[in-house]
Amino acid sequence: MTVVGAGSSDAGGTSPGDIVGSEFAEVEVTFDRSGNGIRLRLEDLRTGRVRFLDALELETIVWLSDGHLNQLLDPSSDRWNNNSAG
């Protein structure tokens, strides 16, 4: 895993981000402050797809069992599916 950059906070909106990458993916991680609370903004740099995660969603990821997390990481179950959205 590679982390590039040193994102620093700005007054509003989205902070400059860091890029987390490996041989399989590169994702820009930023803090979004434009809503009612801070949330993570994750952008897949290969496709441009963006997802926002709030504290509850992040905590849910932390508490996933390894088996469930492994199912989510399997690209053939959703990402490579012709019927997937986006």
PDB file of N, CA and C in Angstrom:
ATOM      1  N   MET A   1       0.846  -1.168   0.000  1.00  0.00           N
ATOM      2  CA  MET A   1       0.000   0.000   0.000  1.00  0.00           C
ATOM      3  C   MET A   1       0.888   1.226   0.000  1.00  0.00           C
ATOM      4  N   THR A   2       0.488   2.230  -0.766  1.00  0.00           N
ATOM      5  CA  THR A   2       1.226   3.470  -0.873  1.00  0.00           C
ATOM      6  C   THR A   2       0.318   4.616  -0.488  1.00  0.00           C
ATOM      7  N   VAL A   3       0.844   5.570   0.280  1.00  0.00           N
ATOM      8  CA  VAL A   3       0.114   6.793   0.595  1.00  0.00           C
ATOM      9  C   VAL A   3       0.933   7.942   0.057  1.00  0.00           C
ATOM     10  N   VAL A   4       0.299   8.796  -0.779  1.00  0.00           N
ATOM     11  CA  VAL A   4       0.975   9.921  -1.397  1.00  0.00           C
ATOM     12  C   VAL A   4       0.310  11.201  -0.939  1.00  0.00           C
ATOM     13  N   GLY A   5       1.096  12.223  -0.645  1.00  0.00           N
ATOM     14  CA  GLY A   5       0.549  13.518  -0.278  1.00  0.00           C
ATOM     15  C   GLY A   5       0.444  13.668   1.218  1.00  0.00           C
ATOM     16  N   ALA A   6       0.119  14.872   1.610  1.00  0.00           N
ATOM     17  CA  ALA A   6      -0.083  15.185   3.024  1.00  0.00           C
ATOM     18  C   ALA A   6      -1.211  16.179   3.092  1.00  0.00           C
ATOM     19  N   GLY A   7      -2.416  15.692   2.927  1.00  0.00           N
ATOM     20  CA  GLY A   7      -3.577  16.567   2.883  1.00  0.00           C
ATOM     21  C   GLY A   7      -3.666  17.458   4.104  1.00  0.00           C
ATOM     22  N   SER A   8      -3.898  18.734   3.867  1.00  0.00           N
ATOM     23  CA  SER A   8      -4.076  19.661   4.974  1.00  0.00           C
ATOM     24  C   SER A   8      -5.483  20.221   4.899  1.00  0.00           C
ATOM     25  N   SER A   9      -6.024  20.548   6.029  1.00  0.00           N
ATOM     26  CA  SER A   9      -7.401  21.006   6.116  1.00  0.00           C
ATOM     27  C   SER A   9      -7.534  22.419   5.581  1.00  0.00           C
ATOM     28  N   ASP A  10      -8.642  22.698   4.877  1.00  0.00           N
ATOM     29  CA  ASP A  10      -8.969  24.076   4.545  1.00  0.00           C
ATOM     30  C   ASP A  10     -10.270  24.448   5.239  1.00  0.00           C
ATOM     31  N   ALA A  11     -10.668  25.686   5.145  1.00  0.00           N
ATOM     32  CA  ALA A  11     -11.762  26.214   5.973  1.00  0.00           C
ATOM     33  C   ALA A  11     -13.110  25.546   5.730  1.00  0.00           C
ATOM     34  N   GLY A  12     -13.457  25.228   4.514  1.00  0.00           N
ATOM     35  CA  GLY A  12     -14.763  24.636   4.251  1.00  0.00           C
ATOM     36  C   GLY A  12     -14.681  23.667   3.101  1.00  0.00           C
ATOM     37  N   GLY A  13     -15.784  23.026   2.793  1.00  0.00           N
ATOM     38  CA  GLY A  13     -15.819  22.111   1.663  1.00  0.00           C
ATOM     39  C   GLY A  13     -14.953  20.906   1.866  1.00  0.00           C
ATOM     40  N   THR A  14     -14.138  20.595   0.880  1.00  0.00           N
ATOM     41  CA  THR A  14     -13.326  19.386   0.896  1.00  0.00           C
ATOM     42  C   THR A  14     -11.861  19.727   1.087  1.00  0.00           C
ATOM     43  N   SER A  15     -11.203  19.021   1.972  1.00  0.00           N
ATOM     44  CA  SER A  15      -9.765  19.193   2.206  1.00  0.00           C
ATOM     45  C   SER A  15      -8.991  18.538   1.075  1.00  0.00           C
ATOM     46  N   PRO A  16      -7.784  19.052   0.797  1.00  0.00           N
ATOM     47  CA  PRO A  16      -6.932  18.334  -0.161  1.00  0.00           C
ATOM     48  C   PRO A  16      -6.701  16.917   0.343  1.00  0.00           C
ATOM     49  N   GLY A  17      -6.609  15.958  -0.566  1.00  0.00           N
ATOM     50  CA  GLY A  17      -6.578  14.566  -0.142  1.00  0.00           C
ATOM     51  C   GLY A  17      -5.249  13.881  -0.272  1.00  0.00           C
ATOM     52  N   ASP A  18      -5.215  12.700   0.263  1.00  0.00           N
ATOM     53  CA  ASP A  18      -4.094  11.790   0.115  1.00  0.00           C
ATOM     54  C   ASP A  18      -4.527  10.678  -0.830  1.00  0.00           C
ATOM     55  N   ILE A  19      -3.553  10.103  -1.519  1.00  0.00           N
ATOM     56  CA  ILE A  19      -3.842   8.989  -2.417  1.00  0.00           C
ATOM     57  C   ILE A  19      -3.312   7.719  -1.774  1.00  0.00           C
ATOM     58  N   VAL A  20      -4.204   6.747  -1.625  1.00  0.00           N
ATOM     59  CA  VAL A  20      -3.845   5.432  -1.114  1.00  0.00           C
ATOM     60  C   VAL A  20      -3.854   4.500  -2.314  1.00  0.00           C
ATOM     61  N   GLY A  21      -2.731   3.841  -2.558  1.00  0.00           N
ATOM     62  CA  GLY A  21      -2.651   3.017  -3.747  1.00  0.00           C
ATOM     63  C   GLY A  21      -1.906   1.719  -3.532  1.00  0.00           C
ATOM     64  N   SER A  22      -2.194   0.791  -4.411  1.00  0.00           N
ATOM     65  CA  SER A  22      -1.488  -0.486  -4.478  1.00  0.00           C
ATOM     66  C   SER A  22      -1.431  -0.886  -5.943  1.00  0.00           C
ATOM     67  N   GLU A  23      -0.956  -2.097  -6.208  1.00  0.00           N
ATOM     68  CA  GLU A  23      -0.941  -2.551  -7.598  1.00  0.00           C
ATOM     69  C   GLU A  23      -2.342  -2.809  -8.140  1.00  0.00           C
ATOM     70  N   PHE A  24      -3.362  -2.814  -7.259  1.00  0.00           N
ATOM     71  CA  PHE A  24      -4.726  -3.122  -7.661  1.00  0.00           C
ATOM     72  C   PHE A  24      -5.643  -1.909  -7.737  1.00  0.00           C
ATOM     73  N   ALA A  25      -5.338  -0.830  -7.020  1.00  0.00           N
ATOM     74  CA  ALA A  25      -6.261   0.303  -6.965  1.00  0.00           C
ATOM     75  C   ALA A  25      -5.544   1.558  -6.493  1.00  0.00           C
ATOM     76  N   GLU A  26      -6.100   2.719  -6.863  1.00  0.00           N
ATOM     77  CA  GLU A  26      -5.669   4.000  -6.327  1.00  0.00           C
ATOM     78  C   GLU A  26      -6.914   4.791  -5.982  1.00  0.00           C
ATOM     79  N   VAL A  27      -6.971   5.245  -4.731  1.00  0.00           N
ATOM     80  CA  VAL A  27      -8.133   5.962  -4.233  1.00  0.00           C
ATOM     81  C   VAL A  27      -7.665   7.241  -3.554  1.00  0.00           C
ATOM     82  N   GLU A  28      -8.302   8.360  -3.901  1.00  0.00           N
ATOM     83  CA  GLU A  28      -8.031   9.612  -3.204  1.00  0.00           C
ATOM     84  C   GLU A  28      -8.986   9.702  -2.023  1.00  0.00           C
ATOM     85  N   VAL A  29      -8.437   9.987  -0.845  1.00  0.00           N
ATOM     86  CA  VAL A  29      -9.211  10.076   0.388  1.00  0.00           C
ATOM     87  C   VAL A  29      -9.162  11.520   0.867  1.00  0.00           C
ATOM     88  N   THR A  30     -10.341  12.133   0.990  1.00  0.00           N
ATOM     89  CA  THR A  30     -10.431  13.511   1.465  1.00  0.00           C
ATOM     90  C   THR A  30     -11.520  13.617   2.519  1.00  0.00           C
ATOM     91  N   PHE A  31     -11.458  14.675   3.315  1.00  0.00           N
ATOM     92  CA  PHE A  31     -12.519  14.986   4.263  1.00  0.00           C
ATOM     93  C   PHE A  31     -13.468  15.976   3.617  1.00  0.00           C
ATOM     94  N   ASP A  32     -14.761  15.682   3.660  1.00  0.00           N
ATOM     95  CA  ASP A  32     -15.789  16.575   3.132  1.00  0.00           C
ATOM     96  C   ASP A  32     -16.506  17.221   4.308  1.00  0.00           C
ATOM     97  N   ARG A  33     -16.481  18.549   4.342  1.00  0.00           N
ATOM     98  CA  ARG A  33     -17.100  19.297   5.431  1.00  0.00           C
ATOM     99  C   ARG A  33     -18.306  20.102   4.960  1.00  0.00           C
ATOM    100  N   SER A  34     -18.802  19.836   3.764  1.00  0.00           N
ATOM    101  CA  SER A  34     -19.882  20.652   3.201  1.00  0.00           C
ATOM    102  C   SER A  34     -21.263  20.307   3.757  1.00  0.00           C
ATOM    103  N   GLY A  35     -21.418  19.185   4.416  1.00  0.00           N
ATOM    104  CA  GLY A  35     -22.716  18.779   4.963  1.00  0.00           C
ATOM    105  C   GLY A  35     -22.848  19.139   6.427  1.00  0.00           C
ATOM    106  N   ASN A  36     -23.714  18.415   7.119  1.00  0.00           N
ATOM    107  CA  ASN A  36     -23.942  18.662   8.545  1.00  0.00           C
ATOM    108  C   ASN A  36     -22.810  18.159   9.422  1.00  0.00           C
ATOM    109  N   GLY A  37     -22.020  17.245   8.921  1.00  0.00           N
ATOM    110  CA  GLY A  37     -20.903  16.698   9.683  1.00  0.00           C
ATOM    111  C   GLY A  37     -19.798  16.285   8.732  1.00  0.00           C
ATOM    112  N   ILE A  38     -18.644  16.006   9.285  1.00  0.00           N
ATOM    113  CA  ILE A  38     -17.510  15.580   8.464  1.00  0.00           C
ATOM    114  C   ILE A  38     -17.748  14.153   7.990  1.00  0.00           C
ATOM    115  N   ARG A  39     -17.427  13.896   6.738  1.00  0.00           N
ATOM    116  CA  ARG A  39     -17.484  12.541   6.201  1.00  0.00           C
ATOM    117  C   ARG A  39     -16.302  12.353   5.266  1.00  0.00           C
ATOM    118  N   LEU A  40     -15.978  11.118   5.006  1.00  0.00           N
ATOM    119  CA  LEU A  40     -14.900  10.821   4.065  1.00  0.00           C
ATOM    120  C   LEU A  40     -15.432  10.831   2.645  1.00  0.00           C
ATOM    121  N   ARG A  41     -14.656  11.403   1.751  1.00  0.00           N
ATOM    122  CA  ARG A  41     -14.956  11.352   0.322  1.00  0.00           C
ATOM    123  C   ARG A  41     -13.890  10.457  -0.289  1.00  0.00           C
ATOM    124  N   LEU A  42     -14.317   9.379  -0.904  1.00  0.00           N
ATOM    125  CA  LEU A  42     -13.412   8.411  -1.519  1.00  0.00           C
ATOM    126  C   LEU A  42     -13.630   8.446  -3.024  1.00  0.00           C
ATOM    127  N   GLU A  43     -12.552   8.629  -3.777  1.00  0.00           N
ATOM    128  CA  GLU A  43     -12.661   8.663  -5.242  1.00  0.00           C
ATOM    129  C   GLU A  43     -11.737   7.627  -5.853  1.00  0.00           C
ATOM    130  N   ASP A  44     -12.329   6.726  -6.627  1.00  0.00           N
ATOM    131  CA  ASP A  44     -11.567   5.744  -7.395  1.00  0.00           C
ATOM    132  C   ASP A  44     -10.914   6.499  -8.549  1.00  0.00           C
ATOM    133  N   LEU A  45      -9.602   6.622  -8.540  1.00  0.00           N
ATOM    134  CA  LEU A  45      -8.916   7.422  -9.550  1.00  0.00           C
ATOM    135  C   LEU A  45      -8.938   6.783 -10.936  1.00  0.00           C
ATOM    136  N   ARG A  46      -9.179   5.504 -11.006  1.00  0.00           N
ATOM    137  CA  ARG A  46      -9.263   4.830 -12.310  1.00  0.00           C
ATOM    138  C   ARG A  46     -10.571   5.160 -13.017  1.00  0.00           C
ATOM    139  N   THR A  47     -11.684   5.165 -12.267  1.00  0.00           N
ATOM    140  CA  THR A  47     -12.997   5.354 -12.890  1.00  0.00           C
ATOM    141  C   THR A  47     -13.627   6.706 -12.595  1.00  0.00           C
ATOM    142  N   GLY A  48     -13.150   7.404 -11.569  1.00  0.00           N
ATOM    143  CA  GLY A  48     -13.764   8.664 -11.174  1.00  0.00           C
ATOM    144  C   GLY A  48     -14.979   8.494 -10.275  1.00  0.00           C
ATOM    145  N   ARG A  49     -15.316   7.266  -9.960  1.00  0.00           N
ATOM    146  CA  ARG A  49     -16.474   7.003  -9.093  1.00  0.00           C
ATOM    147  C   ARG A  49     -16.199   7.506  -7.676  1.00  0.00           C
ATOM    148  N   VAL A  50     -17.201   8.156  -7.072  1.00  0.00           N
ATOM    149  CA  VAL A  50     -17.045   8.763  -5.742  1.00  0.00           C
ATOM    150  C   VAL A  50     -18.061   8.168  -4.779  1.00  0.00           C
ATOM    151  N   ARG A  51     -17.626   7.967  -3.534  1.00  0.00           N
ATOM    152  CA  ARG A  51     -18.501   7.489  -2.464  1.00  0.00           C
ATOM    153  C   ARG A  51     -18.187   8.306  -1.222  1.00  0.00           C
ATOM    154  N   PHE A  52     -19.230   8.705  -0.495  1.00  0.00           N
ATOM    155  CA  PHE A  52     -19.076   9.405   0.772  1.00  0.00           C
ATOM    156  C   PHE A  52     -19.423   8.442   1.901  1.00  0.00           C
ATOM    157  N   LEU A  53     -18.626   8.451   2.974  1.00  0.00           N
ATOM    158  CA  LEU A  53     -18.878   7.594   4.131  1.00  0.00           C
ATOM    159  C   LEU A  53     -18.915   8.449   5.389  1.00  0.00           C
ATOM    160  N   ASP A  54     -20.007   8.315   6.154  1.00  0.00           N
ATOM    161  CA  ASP A  54     -20.104   9.022   7.429  1.00  0.00           C
ATOM    162  C   ASP A  54     -19.587   8.125   8.549  1.00  0.00           C
ATOM    163  N   ALA A  55     -19.634   8.629   9.777  1.00  0.00           N
ATOM    164  CA  ALA A  55     -19.064   7.892  10.918  1.00  0.00           C
ATOM    165  C   ALA A  55     -19.727   6.535  11.120  1.00  0.00           C
ATOM    166  N   LEU A  56     -21.040   6.452  10.970  1.00  0.00           N
ATOM    167  CA  LEU A  56     -21.731   5.179  11.164  1.00  0.00           C
ATOM    168  C   LEU A  56     -21.304   4.151  10.118  1.00  0.00           C
ATOM    169  N   GLU A  57     -21.178   4.588   8.877  1.00  0.00           N
ATOM    170  CA  GLU A  57     -20.747   3.671   7.818  1.00  0.00           C
ATOM    171  C   GLU A  57     -19.304   3.205   8.043  1.00  0.00           C
ATOM    172  N   LEU A  58     -18.449   4.103   8.504  1.00  0.00           N
ATOM    173  CA  LEU A  58     -17.065   3.718   8.800  1.00  0.00           C
ATOM    174  C   LEU A  58     -17.003   2.729   9.952  1.00  0.00           C
ATOM    175  N   GLU A  59     -17.795   2.981  10.992  1.00  0.00           N
ATOM    176  CA  GLU A  59     -17.816   2.048  12.126  1.00  0.00           C
ATOM    177  C   GLU A  59     -18.316   0.679  11.698  1.00  0.00           C
ATOM    178  N   THR A  60     -19.289   0.652  10.807  1.00  0.00           N
ATOM    179  CA  THR A  60     -19.808  -0.622  10.302  1.00  0.00           C
ATOM    180  C   THR A  60     -18.712  -1.413   9.600  1.00  0.00           C
ATOM    181  N   ILE A  61     -17.883  -0.740   8.817  1.00  0.00           N
ATOM    182  CA  ILE A  61     -16.773  -1.414   8.142  1.00  0.00           C
ATOM    183  C   ILE A  61     -15.808  -2.007   9.163  1.00  0.00           C
ATOM    184  N   VAL A  62     -15.528  -1.246  10.219  1.00  0.00           N
ATOM    185  CA  VAL A  62     -14.611  -1.719  11.257  1.00  0.00           C
ATOM    186  C   VAL A  62     -15.127  -3.003  11.906  1.00  0.00           C
ATOM    187  N   TRP A  63     -16.443  -3.096  12.096  1.00  0.00           N
ATOM    188  CA  TRP A  63     -17.033  -4.246  12.784  1.00  0.00           C
ATOM    189  C   TRP A  63     -17.379  -5.422  11.877  1.00  0.00           C
ATOM    190  N   LEU A  64     -17.169  -5.309  10.560  1.00  0.00           N
ATOM    191  CA  LEU A  64     -17.447  -6.438   9.665  1.00  0.00           C
ATOM    192  C   LEU A  64     -16.560  -7.632  10.012  1.00  0.00           C
ATOM    193  N   SER A  65     -17.136  -8.816   9.924  1.00  0.00           N
ATOM    194  CA  SER A  65     -16.315 -10.024  10.079  1.00  0.00           C
ATOM    195  C   SER A  65     -15.398 -10.136   8.861  1.00  0.00           C
ATOM    196  N   ASP A  66     -14.306 -10.852   9.020  1.00  0.00           N
ATOM    197  CA  ASP A  66     -13.374 -11.029   7.905  1.00  0.00           C
ATOM    198  C   ASP A  66     -14.058 -11.672   6.703  1.00  0.00           C
ATOM    199  N   GLY A  67     -14.932 -12.640   6.963  1.00  0.00           N
ATOM    200  CA  GLY A  67     -15.637 -13.305   5.873  1.00  0.00           C
ATOM    201  C   GLY A  67     -16.513 -12.355   5.076  1.00  0.00           C
ATOM    202  N   HIS A  68     -17.233 -11.482   5.775  1.00  0.00           N
ATOM    203  CA  HIS A  68     -18.108 -10.528   5.096  1.00  0.00           C
ATOM    204  C   HIS A  68     -17.272  -9.502   4.325  1.00  0.00           C
ATOM    205  N   LEU A  69     -16.195  -9.033   4.915  1.00  0.00           N
ATOM    206  CA  LEU A  69     -15.319  -8.080   4.233  1.00  0.00           C
ATOM    207  C   LEU A  69     -14.723  -8.709   2.978  1.00  0.00           C
ATOM    208  N   ASN A  70     -14.313  -9.969   3.066  1.00  0.00           N
ATOM    209  CA  ASN A  70     -13.767 -10.651   1.888  1.00  0.00           C
ATOM    210  C   ASN A  70     -14.790 -10.746   0.767  1.00  0.00           C
ATOM    211  N   GLN A  71     -16.073 -10.958   1.106  1.00  0.00           N
ATOM    212  CA  GLN A  71     -17.119 -10.975   0.085  1.00  0.00           C
ATOM    213  C   GLN A  71     -17.230  -9.614  -0.603  1.00  0.00           C
ATOM    214  N   LEU A  72     -17.137  -8.543   0.175  1.00  0.00           N
ATOM    215  CA  LEU A  72     -17.217  -7.197  -0.395  1.00  0.00           C
ATOM    216  C   LEU A  72     -16.017  -6.888  -1.295  1.00  0.00           C
ATOM    217  N   LEU A  73     -14.870  -7.469  -0.990  1.00  0.00           N
ATOM    218  CA  LEU A  73     -13.656  -7.205  -1.758  1.00  0.00           C
ATOM    219  C   LEU A  73     -13.577  -8.004  -3.051  1.00  0.00           C
ATOM    220  N   ASP A  74     -14.449  -8.967  -3.252  1.00  0.00           N
ATOM    221  CA  ASP A  74     -14.436  -9.806  -4.452  1.00  0.00           C
ATOM    222  C   ASP A  74     -14.993  -9.004  -5.634  1.00  0.00           C
ATOM    223  N   PRO A  75     -14.135  -8.569  -6.580  1.00  0.00           N
ATOM    224  CA  PRO A  75     -14.619  -7.736  -7.684  1.00  0.00           C
ATOM    225  C   PRO A  75     -15.591  -8.456  -8.618  1.00  0.00           C
ATOM    226  N   SER A  76     -15.566  -9.776  -8.642  1.00  0.00           N
ATOM    227  CA  SER A  76     -16.471 -10.500  -9.532  1.00  0.00           C
ATOM    228  C   SER A  76     -17.912 -10.471  -9.037  1.00  0.00           C
ATOM    229  N   SER A  77     -18.121 -10.146  -7.748  1.00  0.00           N
ATOM    230  CA  SER A  77     -19.485 -10.141  -7.224  1.00  0.00           C
ATOM    231  C   SER A  77     -20.249  -8.877  -7.604  1.00  0.00           C
ATOM    232  N   ASP A  78     -19.550  -7.773  -7.908  1.00  0.00           N
ATOM    233  CA  ASP A  78     -20.262  -6.539  -8.244  1.00  0.00           C
ATOM    234  C   ASP A  78     -19.525  -5.698  -9.282  1.00  0.00           C
ATOM    235  N   ARG A  79     -18.257  -5.436  -9.056  1.00  0.00           N
ATOM    236  CA  ARG A  79     -17.518  -4.486  -9.891  1.00  0.00           C
ATOM    237  C   ARG A  79     -17.428  -4.937 -11.340  1.00  0.00           C
ATOM    238  N   TRP A  80     -17.246  -6.220 -11.577  1.00  0.00           N
ATOM    239  CA  TRP A  80     -17.108  -6.719 -12.934  1.00  0.00           C
ATOM    240  C   TRP A  80     -18.419  -7.236 -13.500  1.00  0.00           C
ATOM    241  N   ASN A  81     -19.513  -7.016 -12.778  1.00  0.00           N
ATOM    242  CA  ASN A  81     -20.832  -7.462 -13.201  1.00  0.00           C
ATOM    243  C   ASN A  81     -21.387  -6.470 -14.224  1.00  0.00           C
ATOM    244  N   ASN A  82     -21.858  -6.955 -15.355  1.00  0.00           N
ATOM    245  CA  ASN A  82     -22.412  -6.068 -16.392  1.00  0.00           C
ATOM    246  C   ASN A  82     -23.640  -5.304 -15.924  1.00  0.00           C
ATOM    247  N   ASN A  83     -24.326  -5.804 -14.893  1.00  0.00           N
ATOM    248  CA  ASN A  83     -25.540  -5.156 -14.414  1.00  0.00           C
ATOM    249  C   ASN A  83     -25.279  -4.145 -13.307  1.00  0.00           C
ATOM    250  N   SER A  84     -24.011  -3.938 -12.903  1.00  0.00           N
ATOM    251  CA  SER A  84     -23.720  -3.019 -11.802  1.00  0.00           C
ATOM    252  C   SER A  84     -23.927  -1.577 -12.244  1.00  0.00           C
ATOM    253  N   ALA A  85     -24.395  -0.746 -11.295  1.00  0.00           N
ATOM    254  CA  ALA A  85     -24.656   0.667 -11.579  1.00  0.00           C
ATOM    255  C   ALA A  85     -23.345   1.434 -11.608  1.00  0.00           C
ATOM    256  N   GLY A  86     -23.266   2.437 -12.505  1.00  0.00           N
ATOM    257  CA  GLY A  86     -22.143   3.365 -12.545  1.00  0.00           C
ATOM    258  C   GLY A  86     -20.986   2.804 -13.219  1.00  0.00           C
TER     259      GLY A  86
END
